Amino acid sequence: MAEQKESGLVIKDKQFDYETQIALLTPEDRTRLLALTDKVKADDLATVQSYGSELNQVIANNGQALLKSVRGDNTAEVVQLSNDLLAELNLIDIDEINQDTPWKNFARRVPVLRKMVTTIENVKIKYDTIAENVDKISEKMGVAKVVALRDNNTLQDIFDSNRKYIDEIRELILALKLRLAQVEEDIQKAQADPTVDAITISDLHAFKDSIEKRINDMMVTEFSLMQNLFQIRATQSNNTAISTKADNIVTNVIPLWKNQLAIAVIMNNQKASIDAQKKISDTTNEILKRNAANLRINSVNVAKANEEMVISLDTLQKTTQELISTVTEVKKIHDQGAQKRKEVERTLEASSNELMAAIQDTANAIPAPKK
C-alpha cells in the first residue's frame, strides 16, 4: 500500500482511519493542522461552511476538465468506423469469381439475361473500390487510436490531481477534527463552570454541530473523489481496449481480407487456364484425360478452400466463453458496487441517527434559563 509521510503525518491511499491518524500526530503536526482552522470562528458559523471551499472550487474545475474529456471521447467514432468496415467487408462475395455455374452458362446465351452475369473485370473493379474505401477507413481508425491514447494522458493528469486533492482534503478534515475536540473540551468546561450562562453553552453546541456537519460533508466529498479515481481508471481501460481493437483490425483483419481476395482471383485465373488447355487438346484423349484429372483436382481444392472457415470453430467457442465471462464478471462487479453503496447509505443513515440522538441528549442536558 502506497504511503506518503511528511512531518510525522501518514497518509494512506486505502482504509484511511482518521482516529488512528490523529493518534499518530506529533505536537508539531497538531499545531500545524490547527493553524488551518484559524479562520473558523465560533461566533460566525459561516466560516465553518466556507472552510475548505477553495479546494472545492479546484475540484469543480477539475470536474469540468473531466467532462470536457468525456465529451471529446472518440469511442463513438471508433464504433462507427468499425461498422463502416464491416459494411464494406460484407460486400465481398468470393462466389462471384468462382468457376462457371450452369446458370451462368445459360444466362450468357440469353441476350436479356447476359447483362446479369458478373464478369471478372466487373468484380475486380468492384473490389478495387472496396479496397480503396477500406484503406480510408484504416487511416481513420489509426487516427482514432492516437486520439484514444491522447485522451488517456488527459485522464491521467486528472487522476493524479484528484489523488493530490484527496490528500489535501484529508488534512483539512484532520485539522477540523482536532478543532472539534477542542470545542468539545470547551463545552465540558463551560458546563462545569456555574458562571457560564446557558446561551453561551448553547452557542458552543451549535458551533460543535456545525463543525460536525462540515466534517461529514467533506468526508462525502473525499469518498466521491475516491470513486472518481476508479471511474477514471475504467475509462482509461476502455480507451486502451478500443485502440487495441482498432489496431488489430488494421494490422490483422484487413491484410487477411486482401490476401483471401488475391487467392480467389488467382484460383479463377488457374481455372480459366485449365479450361483453355482443355479446349485446345480436345482431340487428344491423353491430354483430355490429364486435363479432366487436373480439373477434378482443382475443383476439389477450390471446394476445400471455399469450405474452410477463416476463423476456426474452436476459436469462436473460446471467444464466446470469454465474452460470457466478461459479461458475468462485469455484472458481478456492478452488483458488488451496488451492495457497497447500499452499505454506505445504511452507515451514513446510522451515523446520522446517532448524531441526532446525541444532539437531542445534549439539548436535554442544557438547563432551561431561569426566569
Protein backbone atom coordinates (compact mmCIF):
# COMPACT_ATOMS: atom_id res chain seq x y z
CA MET A 1 0.00 0.00 0.00
CA ALA A 2 1.45 3.34 -1.07
CA GLU A 3 2.16 5.81 1.73
CA GLN A 4 3.25 9.44 1.91
CA LYS A 5 4.93 10.75 5.05
CA GLU A 6 5.52 14.37 5.91
CA SER A 7 6.29 15.79 9.36
CA GLY A 8 5.05 12.60 11.04
CA LEU A 9 1.70 12.60 9.21
CA VAL A 10 0.99 9.28 7.45
CA ILE A 11 -1.48 9.40 4.56
CA LYS A 12 -2.64 6.07 3.11
CA ASP A 13 -4.48 5.56 -0.16
CA LYS A 14 -6.87 2.98 1.29
CA GLN A 15 -8.72 2.49 4.57
CA PHE A 16 -7.82 5.95 5.89
CA ASP A 17 -8.67 5.91 9.61
CA TYR A 18 -8.84 9.45 10.99
CA GLU A 19 -8.79 8.39 14.63
CA THR A 20 -5.65 6.35 14.07
CA GLN A 21 -4.03 9.22 12.16
CA ILE A 22 -4.86 11.66 14.95
CA ALA A 23 -3.25 9.34 17.47
CA LEU A 24 -0.04 9.29 15.36
CA LEU A 25 0.23 13.08 15.13
CA THR A 26 3.21 14.76 16.73
CA PRO A 27 2.75 18.02 18.69
CA GLU A 28 4.22 19.86 15.71
CA ASP A 29 1.65 18.24 13.40
CA ARG A 30 -1.20 19.22 15.72
CA THR A 31 -0.03 22.82 15.83
CA ARG A 32 0.34 22.96 12.05
CA LEU A 33 -3.07 21.40 11.41
CA LEU A 34 -4.90 23.53 13.97
CA ALA A 35 -3.46 26.60 12.25
CA LEU A 36 -5.53 25.61 9.19
CA THR A 37 -8.70 26.25 11.25
CA ASP A 38 -7.73 29.73 12.48
CA LYS A 39 -10.44 31.32 10.31
CA VAL A 40 -13.14 29.08 11.79
CA LYS A 41 -14.92 31.24 14.36
CA ALA A 42 -17.48 30.18 16.95
CA ASP A 43 -19.34 33.47 16.63
CA ASP A 44 -19.58 33.19 12.83
CA LEU A 45 -20.89 29.81 11.68
CA ALA A 46 -20.50 30.89 8.04
CA THR A 47 -16.73 30.46 8.50
CA VAL A 48 -17.35 26.78 9.19
CA GLN A 49 -19.29 26.30 5.97
CA SER A 50 -16.63 28.13 3.93
CA TYR A 51 -13.84 26.05 5.45
CA GLY A 52 -12.01 24.27 2.61
CA SER A 53 -14.22 25.92 -0.04
CA GLU A 54 -11.19 26.92 -2.11
CA LEU A 55 -10.40 23.23 -2.57
CA ASN A 56 -13.99 22.57 -3.62
CA GLN A 57 -13.58 25.11 -6.41
CA VAL A 58 -10.43 23.40 -7.63
CA ILE A 59 -12.27 20.06 -7.60
CA ALA A 60 -15.15 21.60 -9.54
CA ASN A 61 -12.75 22.94 -12.17
CA ASN A 62 -11.16 19.53 -12.43
CA GLY A 63 -14.62 18.00 -12.91
CA GLN A 64 -15.24 20.38 -15.79
CA ALA A 65 -11.99 19.22 -17.39
CA LEU A 66 -13.10 15.60 -16.98
CA LEU A 67 -16.49 16.37 -18.53
CA LYS A 68 -14.79 18.04 -21.47
CA SER A 69 -12.61 14.98 -21.95
CA VAL A 70 -15.66 12.68 -21.88
CA ARG A 71 -17.48 14.86 -24.41
CA GLY A 72 -14.44 14.59 -26.68
CA ASP A 73 -14.29 10.83 -26.30
CA ASN A 74 -13.80 9.17 -29.69
CA THR A 75 -15.44 5.86 -28.72
CA ALA A 76 -18.48 6.56 -30.89
CA GLU A 77 -16.24 7.37 -33.82
CA VAL A 78 -14.34 4.09 -33.48
CA VAL A 79 -17.63 2.17 -33.29
CA GLN A 80 -18.87 3.91 -36.44
CA LEU A 81 -15.62 3.22 -38.27
CA SER A 82 -15.82 -0.45 -37.27
CA ASN A 83 -19.38 -0.61 -38.58
CA ASP A 84 -18.30 1.03 -41.84
CA LEU A 85 -15.52 -1.51 -42.21
CA LEU A 86 -17.94 -4.37 -41.56
CA ALA A 87 -20.30 -2.98 -44.18
CA GLU A 88 -17.51 -2.90 -46.76
CA LEU A 89 -16.38 -6.43 -45.96
CA ASN A 90 -19.96 -7.70 -46.24
CA LEU A 91 -19.89 -6.66 -49.89
CA ILE A 92 -17.29 -9.34 -50.59
CA ASP A 93 -18.66 -12.42 -52.33
CA ILE A 94 -15.99 -14.90 -53.36
CA ASP A 95 -18.60 -16.88 -55.32
CA GLU A 96 -18.70 -14.02 -57.82
CA ILE A 97 -15.37 -15.10 -59.24
CA ASN A 98 -15.67 -18.84 -58.74
CA GLN A 99 -15.98 -21.31 -61.57
CA ASP A 100 -18.83 -21.02 -64.05
CA THR A 101 -22.15 -22.44 -62.98
CA PRO A 102 -24.79 -23.95 -65.29
CA TRP A 103 -26.98 -20.94 -64.64
CA LYS A 104 -24.21 -18.54 -65.73
CA ASN A 105 -23.58 -20.53 -68.93
CA PHE A 106 -27.30 -20.48 -69.71
CA ALA A 107 -27.60 -16.75 -68.92
CA ARG A 108 -24.79 -15.90 -71.34
CA ARG A 109 -26.77 -17.47 -74.19
CA VAL A 110 -29.86 -15.36 -73.42
CA PRO A 111 -29.48 -11.71 -74.51
CA VAL A 112 -31.90 -10.44 -71.89
CA LEU A 113 -30.01 -12.22 -69.07
CA ARG A 114 -26.49 -11.64 -70.40
CA LYS A 115 -26.09 -8.35 -68.51
CA MET A 116 -26.91 -10.10 -65.26
CA VAL A 117 -23.79 -12.24 -65.45
CA THR A 118 -20.93 -10.71 -63.47
CA THR A 119 -17.64 -10.73 -65.36
CA ILE A 120 -14.25 -11.00 -63.67
CA GLU A 121 -13.42 -7.46 -64.84
CA ASN A 122 -16.53 -6.04 -63.16
CA VAL A 123 -15.73 -7.95 -60.00
CA LYS A 124 -12.19 -6.59 -59.92
CA ILE A 125 -13.45 -3.05 -60.39
CA LYS A 126 -15.91 -3.54 -57.54
CA TYR A 127 -13.25 -4.98 -55.24
CA ASP A 128 -10.79 -2.19 -56.10
CA THR A 129 -13.41 0.31 -54.93
CA ILE A 130 -13.99 -1.66 -51.71
CA ALA A 131 -10.23 -1.86 -51.10
CA GLU A 132 -9.91 1.90 -51.52
CA ASN A 133 -12.72 2.52 -49.04
CA VAL A 134 -11.21 0.07 -46.56
CA ASP A 135 -7.84 1.82 -46.80
CA LYS A 136 -9.50 5.14 -45.99
CA ILE A 137 -11.29 3.58 -43.00
CA SER A 138 -7.98 2.10 -41.85
CA GLU A 139 -6.35 5.52 -41.86
CA LYS A 140 -9.21 6.99 -39.82
CA MET A 141 -9.03 4.13 -37.31
CA GLY A 142 -5.33 4.81 -36.90
CA VAL A 143 -6.14 8.41 -36.05
CA ALA A 144 -8.87 7.27 -33.65
CA LYS A 145 -6.32 5.10 -31.88
CA VAL A 146 -3.99 8.09 -31.40
CA VAL A 147 -6.89 10.19 -30.05
CA ALA A 148 -7.82 7.45 -27.55
CA LEU A 149 -4.26 7.34 -26.22
CA ARG A 150 -4.17 11.14 -26.05
CA ASP A 151 -7.40 11.16 -24.05
CA ASN A 152 -5.82 8.69 -21.64
CA ASN A 153 -2.99 11.14 -20.98
CA THR A 154 -5.55 13.83 -20.11
CA LEU A 155 -7.38 11.41 -17.83
CA GLN A 156 -4.08 10.53 -16.14
CA ASP A 157 -3.43 14.20 -15.34
CA ILE A 158 -6.90 14.44 -13.77
CA PHE A 159 -6.31 11.17 -11.88
CA ASP A 160 -3.03 12.49 -10.39
CA SER A 161 -4.72 15.80 -9.46
CA ASN A 162 -7.59 14.01 -7.71
CA ARG A 163 -5.17 11.94 -5.63
CA LYS A 164 -3.49 15.18 -4.58
CA TYR A 165 -6.89 16.70 -3.69
CA ILE A 166 -7.73 13.63 -1.60
CA ASP A 167 -4.57 14.11 0.45
CA GLU A 168 -5.35 17.80 0.91
CA ILE A 169 -8.97 17.27 1.95
CA ARG A 170 -7.88 14.59 4.43
CA GLU A 171 -5.54 17.11 6.05
CA LEU A 172 -8.37 19.63 6.27
CA ILE A 173 -10.65 17.01 7.85
CA LEU A 174 -7.95 16.03 10.37
CA ALA A 175 -7.49 19.69 11.28
CA LEU A 176 -11.24 20.21 11.75
CA LYS A 177 -11.48 17.05 13.87
CA LEU A 178 -8.76 18.45 16.14
CA ARG A 179 -10.70 21.70 16.37
CA LEU A 180 -13.85 19.71 17.15
CA ALA A 181 -12.07 18.02 20.05
CA GLN A 182 -11.12 21.45 21.42
CA VAL A 183 -14.72 22.63 21.17
CA GLU A 184 -15.95 19.53 22.99
CA GLU A 185 -13.46 20.25 25.79
CA ASP A 186 -14.70 23.85 25.90
CA ILE A 187 -18.30 22.60 26.24
CA GLN A 188 -17.35 20.29 29.15
CA LYS A 189 -15.55 23.15 30.90
CA ALA A 190 -18.45 25.53 30.33
CA GLN A 191 -20.98 23.02 31.65
CA ALA A 192 -18.85 22.50 34.75
CA ASP A 193 -18.49 26.26 35.34
CA PRO A 194 -21.57 27.70 37.07
CA THR A 195 -20.65 31.21 35.93
CA VAL A 196 -21.20 30.31 32.24
CA ASP A 197 -24.74 31.00 31.10
CA ALA A 198 -26.94 28.61 29.07
CA ILE A 199 -26.82 30.77 25.94
CA THR A 200 -23.05 30.50 25.79
CA ILE A 201 -23.24 26.73 26.19
CA SER A 202 -25.95 26.54 23.54
CA ASP A 203 -23.79 28.59 21.15
CA LEU A 204 -20.90 26.19 21.76
CA HIS A 205 -23.18 23.25 20.97
CA ALA A 206 -24.30 24.95 17.76
CA PHE A 207 -20.66 25.58 16.84
CA LYS A 208 -19.87 21.91 17.53
CA ASP A 209 -22.82 20.73 15.39
CA SER A 210 -21.76 22.96 12.52
CA ILE A 211 -18.23 21.57 12.62
CA GLU A 212 -19.53 18.00 12.66
CA LYS A 213 -21.74 18.67 9.65
CA ARG A 214 -18.85 20.25 7.76
CA ILE A 215 -16.66 17.24 8.55
CA ASN A 216 -19.40 14.93 7.28
CA ASP A 217 -19.75 16.91 4.04
CA MET A 218 -16.00 16.87 3.44
CA MET A 219 -15.82 13.12 4.09
CA VAL A 220 -18.55 12.57 1.49
CA THR A 221 -16.50 14.68 -0.94
CA GLU A 222 -13.43 12.59 -0.14
CA PHE A 223 -15.37 9.39 -0.80
CA SER A 224 -16.66 10.76 -4.11
CA LEU A 225 -13.13 11.59 -5.17
CA MET A 226 -12.02 8.05 -4.33
CA GLN A 227 -14.85 6.71 -6.50
CA ASN A 228 -13.79 9.08 -9.26
CA LEU A 229 -10.32 7.52 -9.29
CA PHE A 230 -11.80 4.12 -10.15
CA GLN A 231 -14.09 5.68 -12.76
CA ILE A 232 -11.13 7.31 -14.48
CA ARG A 233 -9.20 4.04 -14.46
CA ALA A 234 -12.19 2.24 -16.02
CA THR A 235 -12.44 4.90 -18.74
CA GLN A 236 -8.72 4.63 -19.47
CA SER A 237 -9.04 0.86 -19.69
CA ASN A 238 -11.89 1.21 -22.19
CA ASN A 239 -9.87 3.63 -24.30
CA THR A 240 -6.94 1.22 -24.32
CA ALA A 241 -9.18 -1.67 -25.34
CA ILE A 242 -10.71 0.39 -28.14
CA SER A 243 -7.34 1.49 -29.50
CA THR A 244 -6.03 -2.08 -29.30
CA LYS A 245 -9.05 -3.41 -31.18
CA ALA A 246 -8.68 -0.75 -33.86
CA ASP A 247 -5.01 -1.63 -34.21
CA ASN A 248 -5.83 -5.34 -34.55
CA ILE A 249 -8.35 -4.62 -37.28
CA VAL A 250 -5.87 -2.53 -39.25
CA THR A 251 -2.97 -4.92 -38.66
CA ASN A 252 -4.66 -8.32 -38.97
CA VAL A 253 -8.19 -8.26 -40.39
CA ILE A 254 -7.62 -6.03 -43.40
CA PRO A 255 -4.42 -7.78 -44.62
CA LEU A 256 -6.22 -11.12 -44.19
CA TRP A 257 -9.11 -9.89 -46.32
CA LYS A 258 -6.75 -8.67 -49.06
CA ASN A 259 -4.85 -11.97 -49.07
CA GLN A 260 -8.03 -14.00 -49.38
CA LEU A 261 -9.23 -11.79 -52.21
CA ALA A 262 -5.95 -12.25 -54.08
CA ILE A 263 -6.13 -16.03 -53.64
CA ALA A 264 -9.66 -16.08 -55.02
CA VAL A 265 -8.61 -14.15 -58.13
CA ILE A 266 -5.61 -16.44 -58.64
CA MET A 267 -7.80 -19.53 -58.41
CA ASN A 268 -10.12 -18.07 -61.00
CA ASN A 269 -7.18 -17.44 -63.33
CA GLN A 270 -5.99 -21.01 -62.80
CA LYS A 271 -9.38 -22.34 -63.74
CA ALA A 272 -9.51 -20.20 -66.90
CA SER A 273 -6.09 -21.52 -67.93
CA ILE A 274 -7.17 -25.14 -67.44
CA ASP A 275 -10.33 -24.56 -69.49
CA ALA A 276 -8.27 -23.10 -72.35
CA GLN A 277 -5.86 -26.08 -72.35
CA LYS A 278 -8.79 -28.48 -72.34
CA LYS A 279 -10.36 -26.87 -75.44
CA ILE A 280 -7.04 -26.86 -77.34
CA SER A 281 -6.28 -30.54 -76.55
CA ASP A 282 -9.84 -31.78 -77.07
CA THR A 283 -8.77 -34.10 -79.96
CA THR A 284 -6.13 -35.89 -77.88
CA ASN A 285 -7.55 -38.45 -75.48
CA GLU A 286 -4.46 -38.50 -73.28
CA ILE A 287 -4.47 -34.74 -72.89
CA LEU A 288 -8.22 -34.84 -72.35
CA LYS A 289 -7.80 -37.35 -69.51
CA ARG A 290 -5.00 -35.35 -67.98
CA ASN A 291 -6.98 -32.12 -68.16
CA ALA A 292 -10.02 -33.89 -66.70
CA ALA A 293 -7.91 -35.09 -63.79
CA ASN A 294 -6.47 -31.61 -63.31
CA LEU A 295 -9.95 -30.14 -63.42
CA ARG A 296 -11.12 -32.59 -60.75
CA ILE A 297 -8.14 -31.82 -58.51
CA ASN A 298 -8.55 -28.08 -59.00
CA SER A 299 -12.28 -28.28 -58.29
CA VAL A 300 -11.64 -30.26 -55.11
CA ASN A 301 -9.05 -27.70 -54.00
CA VAL A 302 -11.38 -24.83 -54.82
CA ALA A 303 -14.22 -26.51 -52.95
CA LYS A 304 -11.98 -27.19 -49.92
CA ALA A 305 -10.74 -23.62 -49.94
CA ASN A 306 -14.29 -22.29 -50.13
CA GLU A 307 -15.47 -24.57 -47.32
CA GLU A 308 -12.64 -23.73 -44.95
CA MET A 309 -13.51 -21.27 -42.22
CA VAL A 310 -11.24 -18.26 -41.88
CA ILE A 311 -11.81 -18.44 -38.14
CA SER A 312 -11.96 -21.90 -36.56
CA LEU A 313 -14.96 -23.15 -34.60
CA ASP A 314 -12.72 -23.70 -31.58
CA THR A 315 -11.68 -20.03 -31.67
CA LEU A 316 -15.31 -18.90 -31.90
CA GLN A 317 -16.22 -21.09 -28.94
CA LYS A 318 -13.34 -19.72 -26.87
CA THR A 319 -14.15 -16.11 -27.72
CA THR A 320 -17.81 -16.75 -26.87
CA GLN A 321 -16.84 -18.14 -23.47
CA GLU A 322 -14.59 -15.12 -22.89
CA LEU A 323 -17.46 -12.79 -23.73
CA ILE A 324 -19.77 -14.68 -21.38
CA SER A 325 -17.13 -14.50 -18.62
CA THR A 326 -16.67 -10.78 -19.28
CA VAL A 327 -20.39 -10.06 -19.02
CA THR A 328 -20.65 -12.20 -15.86
CA GLU A 329 -17.67 -10.53 -14.19
CA VAL A 330 -18.83 -7.02 -15.11
CA LYS A 331 -22.29 -7.79 -13.69
CA LYS A 332 -20.70 -9.16 -10.55
CA ILE A 333 -18.62 -6.00 -10.16
CA HIS A 334 -21.71 -3.85 -10.69
CA ASP A 335 -23.66 -5.91 -8.13
CA GLN A 336 -20.82 -5.62 -5.62
CA GLY A 337 -20.64 -1.87 -6.25
CA ALA A 338 -24.39 -1.55 -5.68
CA GLN A 339 -24.13 -3.56 -2.45
CA LYS A 340 -21.28 -1.36 -1.22
CA ARG A 341 -23.25 1.77 -1.98
CA LYS A 342 -26.20 0.40 -0.01
CA GLU A 343 -23.85 -0.32 2.90
CA VAL A 344 -22.54 3.25 2.73
CA GLU A 345 -26.10 4.56 2.73
CA ARG A 346 -27.00 2.43 5.76
CA THR A 347 -23.79 3.53 7.53
CA LEU A 348 -24.46 7.22 6.81
CA GLU A 349 -28.09 6.81 7.95
CA ALA A 350 -27.00 5.07 11.16
CA SER A 351 -24.37 7.78 11.78
CA SER A 352 -26.99 10.46 11.16
CA ASN A 353 -29.38 8.80 13.63
CA GLU A 354 -26.61 8.55 16.22
CA LEU A 355 -25.73 12.21 15.65
CA MET A 356 -29.34 13.34 16.02
CA ALA A 357 -29.70 11.25 19.18
CA ALA A 358 -26.55 12.83 20.58
CA ILE A 359 -27.84 16.30 19.72
CA GLN A 360 -31.17 15.53 21.41
CA ASP A 361 -29.41 14.24 24.52
CA THR A 362 -27.21 17.33 24.59
CA ALA A 363 -30.18 19.63 24.17
CA ASN A 364 -31.98 17.87 27.03
CA ALA A 365 -28.90 18.27 29.19
CA ILE A 366 -28.87 22.05 28.83
CA PRO A 367 -30.67 23.65 31.82
CA ALA A 368 -33.55 25.95 30.98
CA PRO A 369 -32.86 29.66 31.59
CA LYS A 370 -34.08 30.91 34.89
CA LYS A 371 -36.94 33.37 34.78
